[in-house]
Amino acid sequence: RWEDFLSTRPTGEVNVNTAPAEVLACLSEKLDPGTLQALLGRRSLKPFHRVSELKSVSGLTQETYNDIFDRLTVSSSRFQIESHAVVRGSIGAVAAEVERSDSETVLLT
């Protein structure tokens, strides 16, 4: 499903800590598969706290960083929540999308 690879952020930024490899690979033709794997490995050990921490990823050149940094974020304000339950043999599922701000959390769908 192509919907799985779209950012829901209104500004179009992609969360480098949660985006699938396919999304990150589309950010720049300069992001080669080896560097992408290094990025995924780094984030699995320790999430990025600042986009500038990408500079420490093995193989990521300054040119590639300059090409992608303004399209990345390390946090999200929109989340998808899915819940599944089995009650007396019946299976149910609920899905919702919420947006969080400093003062409230709003149910979008």
PDB file of N, CA and C in Angstrom:
ATOM      1  N   ARG A   1       0.837  -1.185   0.000  1.00  0.00           N
ATOM      2  CA  ARG A   1       0.000   0.000   0.000  1.00  0.00           C
ATOM      3  C   ARG A   1       0.872   1.235   0.000  1.00  0.00           C
ATOM      4  N   TRP A   2       0.640   2.128  -0.939  1.00  0.00           N
ATOM      5  CA  TRP A   2       1.455   3.338  -1.022  1.00  0.00           C
ATOM      6  C   TRP A   2       1.216   4.284   0.130  1.00  0.00           C
ATOM      7  N   GLU A   3       0.043   4.211   0.771  1.00  0.00           N
ATOM      8  CA  GLU A   3      -0.259   5.109   1.887  1.00  0.00           C
ATOM      9  C   GLU A   3       0.724   4.924   3.045  1.00  0.00           C
ATOM     10  N   ASP A   4       1.297   3.733   3.164  1.00  0.00           N
ATOM     11  CA  ASP A   4       2.218   3.453   4.258  1.00  0.00           C
ATOM     12  C   ASP A   4       3.504   4.265   4.156  1.00  0.00           C
ATOM     13  N   PHE A   5       3.782   4.838   2.997  1.00  0.00           N
ATOM     14  CA  PHE A   5       5.043   5.535   2.792  1.00  0.00           C
ATOM     15  C   PHE A   5       4.896   7.045   2.707  1.00  0.00           C
ATOM     16  N   LEU A   6       3.725   7.572   3.018  1.00  0.00           N
ATOM     17  CA  LEU A   6       3.501   9.014   2.983  1.00  0.00           C
ATOM     18  C   LEU A   6       3.623   9.612   4.373  1.00  0.00           C
ATOM     19  N   SER A   7       4.171  10.782   4.443  1.00  0.00           N
ATOM     20  CA  SER A   7       4.247  11.500   5.703  1.00  0.00           C
ATOM     21  C   SER A   7       2.921  12.190   5.972  1.00  0.00           C
ATOM     22  N   THR A   8       2.471  12.115   7.215  1.00  0.00           N
ATOM     23  CA  THR A   8       1.246  12.828   7.576  1.00  0.00           C
ATOM     24  C   THR A   8       1.541  14.206   8.141  1.00  0.00           C
ATOM     25  N   ARG A   9       2.810  14.560   8.221  1.00  0.00           N
ATOM     26  CA  ARG A   9       3.157  15.870   8.752  1.00  0.00           C
ATOM     27  C   ARG A   9       2.769  16.951   7.743  1.00  0.00           C
ATOM     28  N   PRO A  10       2.069  17.998   8.206  1.00  0.00           N
ATOM     29  CA  PRO A  10       1.643  19.050   7.282  1.00  0.00           C
ATOM     30  C   PRO A  10       2.811  19.761   6.611  1.00  0.00           C
ATOM     31  N   THR A  11       3.971  19.779   7.248  1.00  0.00           N
ATOM     32  CA  THR A  11       5.132  20.443   6.661  1.00  0.00           C
ATOM     33  C   THR A  11       5.897  19.516   5.748  1.00  0.00           C
ATOM     34  N   GLY A  12       5.518  18.242   5.705  1.00  0.00           N
ATOM     35  CA  GLY A  12       6.175  17.291   4.825  1.00  0.00           C
ATOM     36  C   GLY A  12       7.443  16.696   5.375  1.00  0.00           C
ATOM     37  N   GLU A  13       7.837  17.043   6.575  1.00  0.00           N
ATOM     38  CA  GLU A  13       9.043  16.482   7.166  1.00  0.00           C
ATOM     39  C   GLU A  13       8.857  14.999   7.454  1.00  0.00           C
ATOM     40  N   VAL A  14       9.945  14.272   7.389  1.00  0.00           N
ATOM     41  CA  VAL A  14       9.956  12.846   7.653  1.00  0.00           C
ATOM     42  C   VAL A  14      10.719  12.608   8.953  1.00  0.00           C
ATOM     43  N   ASN A  15      10.155  11.799   9.844  1.00  0.00           N
ATOM     44  CA  ASN A  15      10.831  11.481  11.096  1.00  0.00           C
ATOM     45  C   ASN A  15      11.899  10.435  10.818  1.00  0.00           C
ATOM     46  N   VAL A  16      13.158  10.825  10.955  1.00  0.00           N
ATOM     47  CA  VAL A  16      14.282   9.942  10.656  1.00  0.00           C
ATOM     48  C   VAL A  16      14.330   8.740  11.608  1.00  0.00           C
ATOM     49  N   ASN A  17      13.703   8.841  12.758  1.00  0.00           N
ATOM     50  CA  ASN A  17      13.695   7.742  13.731  1.00  0.00           C
ATOM     51  C   ASN A  17      12.632   6.684  13.457  1.00  0.00           C
ATOM     52  N   THR A  18      11.622   7.016  12.684  1.00  0.00           N
ATOM     53  CA  THR A  18      10.522   6.071  12.484  1.00  0.00           C
ATOM     54  C   THR A  18      10.202   5.769  11.020  1.00  0.00           C
ATOM     55  N   ALA A  19      10.697   6.554  10.105  1.00  0.00           N
ATOM     56  CA  ALA A  19      10.373   6.356   8.689  1.00  0.00           C
ATOM     57  C   ALA A  19      10.946   5.035   8.183  1.00  0.00           C
ATOM     58  N   PRO A  20      10.167   4.333   7.357  1.00  0.00           N
ATOM     59  CA  PRO A  20      10.696   3.108   6.753  1.00  0.00           C
ATOM     60  C   PRO A  20      11.860   3.411   5.819  1.00  0.00           C
ATOM     61  N   ALA A  21      12.685   2.422   5.591  1.00  0.00           N
ATOM     62  CA  ALA A  21      13.846   2.585   4.708  1.00  0.00           C
ATOM     63  C   ALA A  21      13.437   3.103   3.337  1.00  0.00           C
ATOM     64  N   GLU A  22      12.294   2.650   2.829  1.00  0.00           N
ATOM     65  CA  GLU A  22      11.838   3.077   1.499  1.00  0.00           C
ATOM     66  C   GLU A  22      11.603   4.576   1.434  1.00  0.00           C
ATOM     67  N   VAL A  23      11.100   5.152   2.515  1.00  0.00           N
ATOM     68  CA  VAL A  23      10.853   6.598   2.550  1.00  0.00           C
ATOM     69  C   VAL A  23      12.177   7.348   2.613  1.00  0.00           C
ATOM     70  N   LEU A  24      13.074   6.908   3.485  1.00  0.00           N
ATOM     71  CA  LEU A  24      14.366   7.580   3.605  1.00  0.00           C
ATOM     72  C   LEU A  24      15.147   7.506   2.302  1.00  0.00           C
ATOM     73  N   ALA A  25      15.067   6.376   1.608  1.00  0.00           N
ATOM     74  CA  ALA A  25      15.785   6.217   0.346  1.00  0.00           C
ATOM     75  C   ALA A  25      15.307   7.208  -0.703  1.00  0.00           C
ATOM     76  N   CYS A  26      14.073   7.639  -0.631  1.00  0.00           N
ATOM     77  CA  CYS A  26      13.508   8.570  -1.610  1.00  0.00           C
ATOM     78  C   CYS A  26      13.885  10.026  -1.350  1.00  0.00           C
ATOM     79  N   LEU A  27      14.513  10.306  -0.225  1.00  0.00           N
ATOM     80  CA  LEU A  27      14.845  11.688   0.109  1.00  0.00           C
ATOM     81  C   LEU A  27      15.899  12.285  -0.817  1.00  0.00           C
ATOM     82  N   SER A  28      16.827  11.435  -1.277  1.00  0.00           N
ATOM     83  CA  SER A  28      17.888  11.946  -2.143  1.00  0.00           C
ATOM     84  C   SER A  28      18.503  10.800  -2.933  1.00  0.00           C
ATOM     85  N   GLU A  29      18.810  11.070  -4.193  1.00  0.00           N
ATOM     86  CA  GLU A  29      19.524  10.091  -5.005  1.00  0.00           C
ATOM     87  C   GLU A  29      20.944   9.899  -4.494  1.00  0.00           C
ATOM     88  N   LYS A  30      21.430  10.847  -3.710  1.00  0.00           N
ATOM     89  CA  LYS A  30      22.789  10.779  -3.173  1.00  0.00           C
ATOM     90  C   LYS A  30      22.895   9.840  -1.967  1.00  0.00           C
ATOM     91  N   LEU A  31      21.763   9.420  -1.415  1.00  0.00           N
ATOM     92  CA  LEU A  31      21.757   8.519  -0.255  1.00  0.00           C
ATOM     93  C   LEU A  31      21.871   7.079  -0.751  1.00  0.00           C
ATOM     94  N   ASP A  32      23.099   6.548  -0.747  1.00  0.00           N
ATOM     95  CA  ASP A  32      23.330   5.216  -1.299  1.00  0.00           C
ATOM     96  C   ASP A  32      22.892   4.127  -0.310  1.00  0.00           C
ATOM     97  N   PRO A  33      22.690   2.897  -0.795  1.00  0.00           N
ATOM     98  CA  PRO A  33      22.192   1.808   0.055  1.00  0.00           C
ATOM     99  C   PRO A  33      23.067   1.521   1.276  1.00  0.00           C
ATOM    100  N   GLY A  34      24.374   1.618   1.143  1.00  0.00           N
ATOM    101  CA  GLY A  34      25.263   1.369   2.280  1.00  0.00           C
ATOM    102  C   GLY A  34      25.095   2.405   3.381  1.00  0.00           C
ATOM    103  N   THR A  35      25.001   3.653   2.983  1.00  0.00           N
ATOM    104  CA  THR A  35      24.799   4.729   3.948  1.00  0.00           C
ATOM    105  C   THR A  35      23.424   4.623   4.590  1.00  0.00           C
ATOM    106  N   LEU A  36      22.432   4.264   3.800  1.00  0.00           N
ATOM    107  CA  LEU A  36      21.084   4.065   4.346  1.00  0.00           C
ATOM    108  C   LEU A  36      21.089   2.967   5.406  1.00  0.00           C
ATOM    109  N   GLN A  37      21.780   1.870   5.144  1.00  0.00           N
ATOM    110  CA  GLN A  37      21.864   0.791   6.128  1.00  0.00           C
ATOM    111  C   GLN A  37      22.593   1.254   7.387  1.00  0.00           C
ATOM    112  N   ALA A  38      23.628   2.080   7.226  1.00  0.00           N
ATOM    113  CA  ALA A  38      24.341   2.626   8.384  1.00  0.00           C
ATOM    114  C   ALA A  38      23.411   3.517   9.213  1.00  0.00           C
ATOM    115  N   LEU A  39      22.589   4.314   8.544  1.00  0.00           N
ATOM    116  CA  LEU A  39      21.625   5.179   9.233  1.00  0.00           C
ATOM    117  C   LEU A  39      20.612   4.334  10.006  1.00  0.00           C
ATOM    118  N   LEU A  40      20.074   3.298   9.360  1.00  0.00           N
ATOM    119  CA  LEU A  40      19.095   2.433  10.024  1.00  0.00           C
ATOM    120  C   LEU A  40      19.721   1.713  11.215  1.00  0.00           C
ATOM    121  N   GLY A  41      20.959   1.285  11.056  1.00  0.00           N
ATOM    122  CA  GLY A  41      21.655   0.631  12.165  1.00  0.00           C
ATOM    123  C   GLY A  41      21.881   1.571  13.330  1.00  0.00           C
ATOM    124  N   ARG A  42      22.282   2.806  13.046  1.00  0.00           N
ATOM    125  CA  ARG A  42      22.516   3.801  14.095  1.00  0.00           C
ATOM    126  C   ARG A  42      21.242   4.093  14.868  1.00  0.00           C
ATOM    127  N   ARG A  43      20.118   4.285  14.155  1.00  0.00           N
ATOM    128  CA  ARG A  43      18.883   4.630  14.847  1.00  0.00           C
ATOM    129  C   ARG A  43      18.323   3.462  15.643  1.00  0.00           C
ATOM    130  N   SER A  44      18.643   2.227  15.248  1.00  0.00           N
ATOM    131  CA  SER A  44      18.162   1.072  16.015  1.00  0.00           C
ATOM    132  C   SER A  44      18.909   0.950  17.341  1.00  0.00           C
ATOM    133  N   LEU A  45      20.130   1.463  17.394  1.00  0.00           N
ATOM    134  CA  LEU A  45      20.910   1.448  18.640  1.00  0.00           C
ATOM    135  C   LEU A  45      20.548   2.612  19.551  1.00  0.00           C
ATOM    136  N   LYS A  46      20.339   3.768  18.937  1.00  0.00           N
ATOM    137  CA  LYS A  46      20.065   4.993  19.695  1.00  0.00           C
ATOM    138  C   LYS A  46      19.337   5.982  18.791  1.00  0.00           C
ATOM    139  N   PRO A  47      18.107   6.373  19.147  1.00  0.00           N
ATOM    140  CA  PRO A  47      17.376   7.336  18.313  1.00  0.00           C
ATOM    141  C   PRO A  47      18.140   8.653  18.187  1.00  0.00           C
ATOM    142  N   PHE A  48      17.953   9.309  17.073  1.00  0.00           N
ATOM    143  CA  PHE A  48      18.544  10.632  16.868  1.00  0.00           C
ATOM    144  C   PHE A  48      17.776  11.643  17.711  1.00  0.00           C
ATOM    145  N   HIS A  49      18.500  12.527  18.393  1.00  0.00           N
ATOM    146  CA  HIS A  49      17.862  13.586  19.191  1.00  0.00           C
ATOM    147  C   HIS A  49      17.871  14.921  18.451  1.00  0.00           C
ATOM    148  N   ARG A  50      18.771  15.040  17.474  1.00  0.00           N
ATOM    149  CA  ARG A  50      18.857  16.227  16.619  1.00  0.00           C
ATOM    150  C   ARG A  50      19.187  15.760  15.205  1.00  0.00           C
ATOM    151  N   VAL A  51      18.661  16.422  14.221  1.00  0.00           N
ATOM    152  CA  VAL A  51      18.944  16.063  12.831  1.00  0.00           C
ATOM    153  C   VAL A  51      20.441  16.153  12.558  1.00  0.00           C
ATOM    154  N   SER A  52      21.120  17.088  13.190  1.00  0.00           N
ATOM    155  CA  SER A  52      22.563  17.258  12.958  1.00  0.00           C
ATOM    156  C   SER A  52      23.368  16.017  13.354  1.00  0.00           C
ATOM    157  N   GLU A  53      22.806  15.144  14.178  1.00  0.00           N
ATOM    158  CA  GLU A  53      23.498  13.901  14.558  1.00  0.00           C
ATOM    159  C   GLU A  53      23.679  12.961  13.366  1.00  0.00           C
ATOM    160  N   LEU A  54      22.942  13.201  12.285  1.00  0.00           N
ATOM    161  CA  LEU A  54      23.121  12.392  11.080  1.00  0.00           C
ATOM    162  C   LEU A  54      24.541  12.494  10.534  1.00  0.00           C
ATOM    163  N   LYS A  55      25.211  13.586  10.834  1.00  0.00           N
ATOM    164  CA  LYS A  55      26.577  13.779  10.344  1.00  0.00           C
ATOM    165  C   LYS A  55      27.523  12.699  10.849  1.00  0.00           C
ATOM    166  N   SER A  56      27.149  12.016  11.934  1.00  0.00           N
ATOM    167  CA  SER A  56      28.001  10.961  12.486  1.00  0.00           C
ATOM    168  C   SER A  56      27.773   9.608  11.815  1.00  0.00           C
ATOM    169  N   VAL A  57      26.808   9.511  10.917  1.00  0.00           N
ATOM    170  CA  VAL A  57      26.517   8.256  10.232  1.00  0.00           C
ATOM    171  C   VAL A  57      27.615   7.959   9.216  1.00  0.00           C
ATOM    172  N   SER A  58      28.175   6.771   9.309  1.00  0.00           N
ATOM    173  CA  SER A  58      29.253   6.362   8.416  1.00  0.00           C
ATOM    174  C   SER A  58      28.806   6.424   6.957  1.00  0.00           C
ATOM    175  N   GLY A  59      29.598   7.123   6.137  1.00  0.00           N
ATOM    176  CA  GLY A  59      29.309   7.211   4.712  1.00  0.00           C
ATOM    177  C   GLY A  59      28.446   8.391   4.303  1.00  0.00           C
ATOM    178  N   LEU A  60      27.829   9.077   5.260  1.00  0.00           N
ATOM    179  CA  LEU A  60      26.973  10.216   4.915  1.00  0.00           C
ATOM    180  C   LEU A  60      27.851  11.444   4.693  1.00  0.00           C
ATOM    181  N   THR A  61      27.899  11.895   3.461  1.00  0.00           N
ATOM    182  CA  THR A  61      28.735  13.049   3.122  1.00  0.00           C
ATOM    183  C   THR A  61      28.024  14.345   3.487  1.00  0.00           C
ATOM    184  N   GLN A  62      28.793  15.411   3.560  1.00  0.00           N
ATOM    185  CA  GLN A  62      28.214  16.729   3.816  1.00  0.00           C
ATOM    186  C   GLN A  62      27.252  17.099   2.700  1.00  0.00           C
ATOM    187  N   GLU A  63      27.576  16.727   1.468  1.00  0.00           N
ATOM    188  CA  GLU A  63      26.711  17.026   0.327  1.00  0.00           C
ATOM    189  C   GLU A  63      25.348  16.332   0.479  1.00  0.00           C
ATOM    190  N   THR A  64      25.355  15.065   0.889  1.00  0.00           N
ATOM    191  CA  THR A  64      24.094  14.344   1.084  1.00  0.00           C
ATOM    192  C   THR A  64      23.330  14.927   2.263  1.00  0.00           C
ATOM    193  N   TYR A  65      24.034  15.226   3.350  1.00  0.00           N
ATOM    194  CA  TYR A  65      23.386  15.849   4.509  1.00  0.00           C
ATOM    195  C   TYR A  65      22.704  17.149   4.095  1.00  0.00           C
ATOM    196  N   ASN A  66      23.410  17.985   3.343  1.00  0.00           N
ATOM    197  CA  ASN A  66      22.831  19.261   2.888  1.00  0.00           C
ATOM    198  C   ASN A  66      21.589  19.040   2.030  1.00  0.00           C
ATOM    199  N   ASP A  67      21.557  17.941   1.318  1.00  0.00           N
ATOM    200  CA  ASP A  67      20.447  17.631   0.424  1.00  0.00           C
ATOM    201  C   ASP A  67      19.187  17.197   1.181  1.00  0.00           C
ATOM    202  N   ILE A  68      19.343  16.619   2.395  1.00  0.00           N
ATOM    203  CA  ILE A  68      18.187  16.031   3.088  1.00  0.00           C
ATOM    204  C   ILE A  68      17.814  16.658   4.425  1.00  0.00           C
ATOM    205  N   PHE A  69      18.721  17.388   5.068  1.00  0.00           N
ATOM    206  CA  PHE A  69      18.489  17.803   6.454  1.00  0.00           C
ATOM    207  C   PHE A  69      17.208  18.605   6.656  1.00  0.00           C
ATOM    208  N   ASP A  70      16.841  19.426   5.702  1.00  0.00           N
ATOM    209  CA  ASP A  70      15.668  20.285   5.891  1.00  0.00           C
ATOM    210  C   ASP A  70      14.345  19.543   5.660  1.00  0.00           C
ATOM    211  N   ARG A  71      14.427  18.289   5.271  1.00  0.00           N
ATOM    212  CA  ARG A  71      13.218  17.480   5.089  1.00  0.00           C
ATOM    213  C   ARG A  71      13.045  16.451   6.193  1.00  0.00           C
ATOM    214  N   LEU A  72      13.879  16.557   7.235  1.00  0.00           N
ATOM    215  CA  LEU A  72      13.853  15.583   8.323  1.00  0.00           C
ATOM    216  C   LEU A  72      13.495  16.221   9.653  1.00  0.00           C
ATOM    217  N   THR A  73      12.962  15.408  10.532  1.00  0.00           N
ATOM    218  CA  THR A  73      12.731  15.788  11.916  1.00  0.00           C
ATOM    219  C   THR A  73      13.055  14.569  12.776  1.00  0.00           C
ATOM    220  N   VAL A  74      13.181  14.781  14.075  1.00  0.00           N
ATOM    221  CA  VAL A  74      13.455  13.667  14.987  1.00  0.00           C
ATOM    222  C   VAL A  74      12.285  13.403  15.920  1.00  0.00           C
ATOM    223  N   SER A  75      11.210  14.134  15.717  1.00  0.00           N
ATOM    224  CA  SER A  75      10.028  13.932  16.552  1.00  0.00           C
ATOM    225  C   SER A  75       8.787  14.054  15.684  1.00  0.00           C
ATOM    226  N   SER A  76       7.689  13.606  16.232  1.00  0.00           N
ATOM    227  CA  SER A  76       6.432  13.643  15.487  1.00  0.00           C
ATOM    228  C   SER A  76       5.338  14.237  16.352  1.00  0.00           C
ATOM    229  N   SER A  77       4.372  14.841  15.703  1.00  0.00           N
ATOM    230  CA  SER A  77       3.209  15.353  16.423  1.00  0.00           C
ATOM    231  C   SER A  77       1.956  14.580  16.045  1.00  0.00           C
ATOM    232  N   ARG A  78       2.044  13.777  14.987  1.00  0.00           N
ATOM    233  CA  ARG A  78       0.907  12.937  14.583  1.00  0.00           C
ATOM    234  C   ARG A  78       1.271  11.475  14.767  1.00  0.00           C
ATOM    235  N   PHE A  79       0.292  10.722  15.242  1.00  0.00           N
ATOM    236  CA  PHE A  79       0.529   9.314  15.513  1.00  0.00           C
ATOM    237  C   PHE A  79      -0.669   8.498  15.060  1.00  0.00           C
ATOM    238  N   GLN A  80      -0.390   7.279  14.627  1.00  0.00           N
ATOM    239  CA  GLN A  80      -1.446   6.328  14.320  1.00  0.00           C
ATOM    240  C   GLN A  80      -1.471   5.302  15.439  1.00  0.00           C
ATOM    241  N   ILE A  81      -2.658   5.018  15.924  1.00  0.00           N
ATOM    242  CA  ILE A  81      -2.838   4.063  17.010  1.00  0.00           C
ATOM    243  C   ILE A  81      -3.743   2.953  16.515  1.00  0.00           C
ATOM    244  N   GLU A  82      -3.313   1.717  16.702  1.00  0.00           N
ATOM    245  CA  GLU A  82      -4.128   0.568  16.337  1.00  0.00           C
ATOM    246  C   GLU A  82      -4.258  -0.332  17.554  1.00  0.00           C
ATOM    247  N   SER A  83      -5.453  -0.847  17.768  1.00  0.00           N
ATOM    248  CA  SER A  83      -5.706  -1.759  18.878  1.00  0.00           C
ATOM    249  C   SER A  83      -6.541  -2.928  18.370  1.00  0.00           C
ATOM    250  N   HIS A  84      -6.182  -4.112  18.792  1.00  0.00           N
ATOM    251  CA  HIS A  84      -6.897  -5.331  18.408  1.00  0.00           C
ATOM    252  C   HIS A  84      -7.282  -6.059  19.690  1.00  0.00           C
ATOM    253  N   ALA A  85      -8.466  -6.642  19.682  1.00  0.00           N
ATOM    254  CA  ALA A  85      -8.939  -7.367  20.866  1.00  0.00           C
ATOM    255  C   ALA A  85      -9.747  -8.594  20.453  1.00  0.00           C
ATOM    256  N   VAL A  86      -9.700  -9.606  21.310  1.00  0.00           N
ATOM    257  CA  VAL A  86     -10.531 -10.793  21.131  1.00  0.00           C
ATOM    258  C   VAL A  86     -11.373 -10.928  22.395  1.00  0.00           C
ATOM    259  N   VAL A  87     -12.689 -10.879  22.230  1.00  0.00           N
ATOM    260  CA  VAL A  87     -13.612 -10.993  23.355  1.00  0.00           C
ATOM    261  C   VAL A  87     -14.617 -12.088  23.027  1.00  0.00           C
ATOM    262  N   ARG A  88     -14.601 -13.124  23.841  1.00  0.00           N
ATOM    263  CA  ARG A  88     -15.523 -14.254  23.649  1.00  0.00           C
ATOM    264  C   ARG A  88     -15.520 -14.769  22.207  1.00  0.00           C
ATOM    265  N   GLY A  89     -14.349 -14.856  21.621  1.00  0.00           N
ATOM    266  CA  GLY A  89     -14.215 -15.395  20.274  1.00  0.00           C
ATOM    267  C   GLY A  89     -14.417 -14.390  19.164  1.00  0.00           C
ATOM    268  N   SER A  90     -14.858 -13.200  19.457  1.00  0.00           N
ATOM    269  CA  SER A  90     -15.038 -12.159  18.439  1.00  0.00           C
ATOM    270  C   SER A  90     -13.795 -11.281  18.394  1.00  0.00           C
ATOM    271  N   ILE A  91     -13.381 -10.977  17.191  1.00  0.00           N
ATOM    272  CA  ILE A  91     -12.193 -10.155  16.999  1.00  0.00           C
ATOM    273  C   ILE A  91     -12.624  -8.748  16.613  1.00  0.00           C
ATOM    274  N   GLY A  92     -12.046  -7.766  17.274  1.00  0.00           N
ATOM    275  CA  GLY A  92     -12.344  -6.371  16.962  1.00  0.00           C
ATOM    276  C   GLY A  92     -11.060  -5.586  16.791  1.00  0.00           C
ATOM    277  N   ALA A  93     -11.139  -4.527  16.002  1.00  0.00           N
ATOM    278  CA  ALA A  93      -9.982  -3.664  15.777  1.00  0.00           C
ATOM    279  C   ALA A  93     -10.439  -2.213  15.724  1.00  0.00           C
ATOM    280  N   VAL A  94      -9.592  -1.346  16.243  1.00  0.00           N
ATOM    281  CA  VAL A  94      -9.854   0.087  16.229  1.00  0.00           C
ATOM    282  C   VAL A  94      -8.582   0.772  15.748  1.00  0.00           C
ATOM    283  N   ALA A  95      -8.727   1.750  14.869  1.00  0.00           N
ATOM    284  CA  ALA A  95      -7.589   2.531  14.400  1.00  0.00           C
ATOM    285  C   ALA A  95      -7.938   4.012  14.527  1.00  0.00           C
ATOM    286  N   ALA A  96      -6.966   4.795  14.918  1.00  0.00           N
ATOM    287  CA  ALA A  96      -7.183   6.232  15.073  1.00  0.00           C
ATOM    288  C   ALA A  96      -5.900   6.975  14.725  1.00  0.00           C
ATOM    289  N   GLU A  97      -6.057   8.220  14.332  1.00  0.00           N
ATOM    290  CA  GLU A  97      -4.922   9.106  14.129  1.00  0.00           C
ATOM    291  C   GLU A  97      -5.115  10.295  15.045  1.00  0.00           C
ATOM    292  N   VAL A  98      -4.064  10.633  15.804  1.00  0.00           N
ATOM    293  CA  VAL A  98      -4.146  11.749  16.737  1.00  0.00           C
ATOM    294  C   VAL A  98      -3.016  12.730  16.454  1.00  0.00           C
ATOM    295  N   GLU A  99      -3.257  13.970  16.828  1.00  0.00           N
ATOM    296  CA  GLU A  99      -2.226  14.996  16.725  1.00  0.00           C
ATOM    297  C   GLU A  99      -2.020  15.601  18.097  1.00  0.00           C
ATOM    298  N   ARG A 100      -0.768  15.664  18.505  1.00  0.00           N
ATOM    299  CA  ARG A 100      -0.412  16.160  19.827  1.00  0.00           C
ATOM    300  C   ARG A 100       0.199  17.555  19.715  1.00  0.00           C
ATOM    301  N   SER A 101      -0.223  18.429  20.632  1.00  0.00           N
ATOM    302  CA  SER A 101       0.396  19.745  20.750  1.00  0.00           C
ATOM    303  C   SER A 101       0.779  19.921  22.210  1.00  0.00           C
ATOM    304  N   ASP A 102       1.316  21.088  22.554  1.00  0.00           N
ATOM    305  CA  ASP A 102       1.708  21.319  23.946  1.00  0.00           C
ATOM    306  C   ASP A 102       0.520  21.292  24.894  1.00  0.00           C
ATOM    307  N   SER A 103      -0.661  21.683  24.415  1.00  0.00           N
ATOM    308  CA  SER A 103      -1.794  21.834  25.311  1.00  0.00           C
ATOM    309  C   SER A 103      -2.850  20.743  25.192  1.00  0.00           C
ATOM    310  N   GLU A 104      -2.849  19.983  24.076  1.00  0.00           N
ATOM    311  CA  GLU A 104      -3.908  18.997  23.919  1.00  0.00           C
ATOM    312  C   GLU A 104      -3.539  17.929  22.900  1.00  0.00           C
ATOM    313  N   THR A 105      -4.315  16.860  22.913  1.00  0.00           N
ATOM    314  CA  THR A 105      -4.228  15.812  21.905  1.00  0.00           C
ATOM    315  C   THR A 105      -5.590  15.736  21.233  1.00  0.00           C
ATOM    316  N   VAL A 106      -5.585  15.816  19.906  1.00  0.00           N
ATOM    317  CA  VAL A 106      -6.828  15.867  19.136  1.00  0.00           C
ATOM    318  C   VAL A 106      -6.971  14.598  18.315  1.00  0.00           C
ATOM    319  N   LEU A 107      -8.144  13.997  18.382  1.00  0.00           N
ATOM    320  CA  LEU A 107      -8.465  12.839  17.559  1.00  0.00           C
ATOM    321  C   LEU A 107      -8.804  13.323  16.164  1.00  0.00           C
ATOM    322  N   LEU A 108      -8.045  12.858  15.144  1.00  0.00           N
ATOM    323  CA  LEU A 108      -8.268  13.293  13.771  1.00  0.00           C
ATOM    324  C   LEU A 108      -9.200  12.336  13.022  1.00  0.00           C
ATOM    325  N   THR A 109      -9.023  11.040  13.220  1.00  0.00           N
ATOM    326  CA  THR A 109      -9.881  10.051  12.570  1.00  0.00           C
ATOM    327  C   THR A 109     -10.135   8.889  13.509  1.00  0.00           C
TER     328      THR A 109
END
